[in-house]
Amino acid sequence: MARNASFSYVAGSDAWKYILEDHPEIRFLASVCYPLDEGDLETINAIRGDNPLRSHGFDIDDWDKRADPVFNLPSEENVQPIVDFLRE
């Protein structure tokens, strides 16, 4: 792995807490279930310590109704902010 490599993690649940503990190479965290609150940010800082990362939570609530009802995909409009964040 390259020493200055930058990795992103897109999380769909609280699993990000365990992933961040095991993968210090992650530099960007996008939580797609809910906005990150103050407690989440404190947890991230406690886990990462001197190895900070950029994080943002997204509340995806506009699901594409055309998708299969068992596995509804988010609309492009909802996903675009996540893509923009990761491109920064």
Protein backbone atom coordinates (compact mmCIF):
# COMPACT_ATOMS: atom_id res chain seq x y z
CA MET A 1 0.00 0.00 0.00
CA ALA A 2 1.28 3.46 -0.87
CA ARG A 3 2.23 5.50 2.14
CA ASN A 4 0.25 8.60 1.11
CA ALA A 5 -2.71 6.71 -0.33
CA SER A 6 -6.13 8.12 0.42
CA PHE A 7 -9.07 5.78 0.93
CA SER A 8 -12.78 6.43 1.27
CA TYR A 9 -15.40 4.37 3.08
CA VAL A 10 -19.12 4.65 2.43
CA ALA A 11 -21.03 3.22 5.39
CA GLY A 12 -24.63 2.09 5.52
CA SER A 13 -24.82 1.45 9.26
CA ASP A 14 -22.88 1.82 12.49
CA ALA A 15 -20.34 -0.65 11.07
CA TRP A 16 -18.08 2.35 10.31
CA LYS A 17 -16.99 2.33 13.96
CA TYR A 18 -15.39 -1.09 13.57
CA ILE A 19 -14.06 -0.41 10.09
CA LEU A 20 -12.29 2.78 11.24
CA GLU A 21 -10.63 0.91 14.09
CA ASP A 22 -9.25 -1.72 11.71
CA HIS A 23 -8.36 0.56 8.76
CA PRO A 24 -6.30 3.64 9.66
CA GLU A 25 -5.71 4.26 5.93
CA ILE A 26 -9.29 5.54 5.51
CA ARG A 27 -9.28 9.32 5.07
CA PHE A 28 -12.93 9.96 4.08
CA LEU A 29 -16.08 8.56 5.69
CA ALA A 30 -19.53 9.02 4.14
CA SER A 31 -22.37 7.70 6.28
CA VAL A 32 -25.42 7.19 4.07
CA CYS A 33 -28.00 6.15 6.67
CA TYR A 34 -28.21 9.30 8.71
CA PRO A 35 -26.43 12.59 9.36
CA LEU A 36 -23.55 12.22 11.81
CA ASP A 37 -24.32 13.87 15.13
CA GLU A 38 -21.99 15.28 17.78
CA GLY A 39 -21.72 11.89 19.49
CA ASP A 40 -20.70 10.23 16.22
CA LEU A 41 -18.04 12.87 15.63
CA GLU A 42 -16.70 12.37 19.16
CA THR A 43 -16.55 8.61 18.51
CA ILE A 44 -14.68 9.18 15.25
CA ASN A 45 -12.17 11.46 17.00
CA ALA A 46 -11.71 8.95 19.83
CA ILE A 47 -11.08 6.11 17.37
CA ARG A 48 -8.75 8.08 15.09
CA GLY A 49 -6.88 10.21 17.61
CA ASP A 50 -3.92 11.78 15.79
CA ASN A 51 -4.97 10.19 12.49
CA PRO A 52 -7.94 12.41 11.53
CA LEU A 53 -10.30 11.88 8.63
CA ARG A 54 -12.95 13.91 6.88
CA SER A 55 -16.47 12.67 7.55
CA HIS A 56 -20.00 13.58 6.59
CA GLY A 57 -23.39 11.97 7.16
CA PHE A 58 -26.12 11.90 4.55
CA ASP A 59 -29.78 11.18 5.22
CA ILE A 60 -31.05 9.40 2.14
CA ASP A 61 -34.83 9.42 2.38
CA ASP A 62 -35.91 9.89 -1.24
CA TRP A 63 -35.84 6.36 -2.56
CA ASP A 64 -36.46 5.66 -6.21
CA LYS A 65 -39.96 4.18 -6.31
CA ARG A 66 -39.29 2.65 -9.75
CA ALA A 67 -36.84 0.18 -8.24
CA ASP A 68 -37.67 -3.32 -7.05
CA PRO A 69 -39.70 -2.95 -3.82
CA VAL A 70 -37.44 -5.41 -2.00
CA PHE A 71 -34.25 -3.51 -2.84
CA ASN A 72 -35.09 0.15 -3.42
CA LEU A 73 -32.23 2.12 -4.88
CA PRO A 74 -31.75 5.78 -3.95
CA SER A 75 -32.42 8.31 -6.66
CA GLU A 76 -29.56 10.02 -8.48
CA GLU A 77 -30.58 13.27 -6.79
CA ASN A 78 -29.94 11.70 -3.38
CA VAL A 79 -26.66 10.07 -4.35
CA GLN A 80 -25.11 13.13 -6.02
CA PRO A 81 -24.20 14.90 -2.71
CA ILE A 82 -22.30 11.79 -1.63
CA VAL A 83 -20.42 11.64 -4.92
CA ASP A 84 -19.59 15.35 -4.65
CA PHE A 85 -18.27 14.88 -1.11
CA LEU A 86 -16.04 11.99 -2.15
CA ARG A 87 -14.72 13.91 -5.15
CA GLU A 88 -13.60 16.83 -2.97
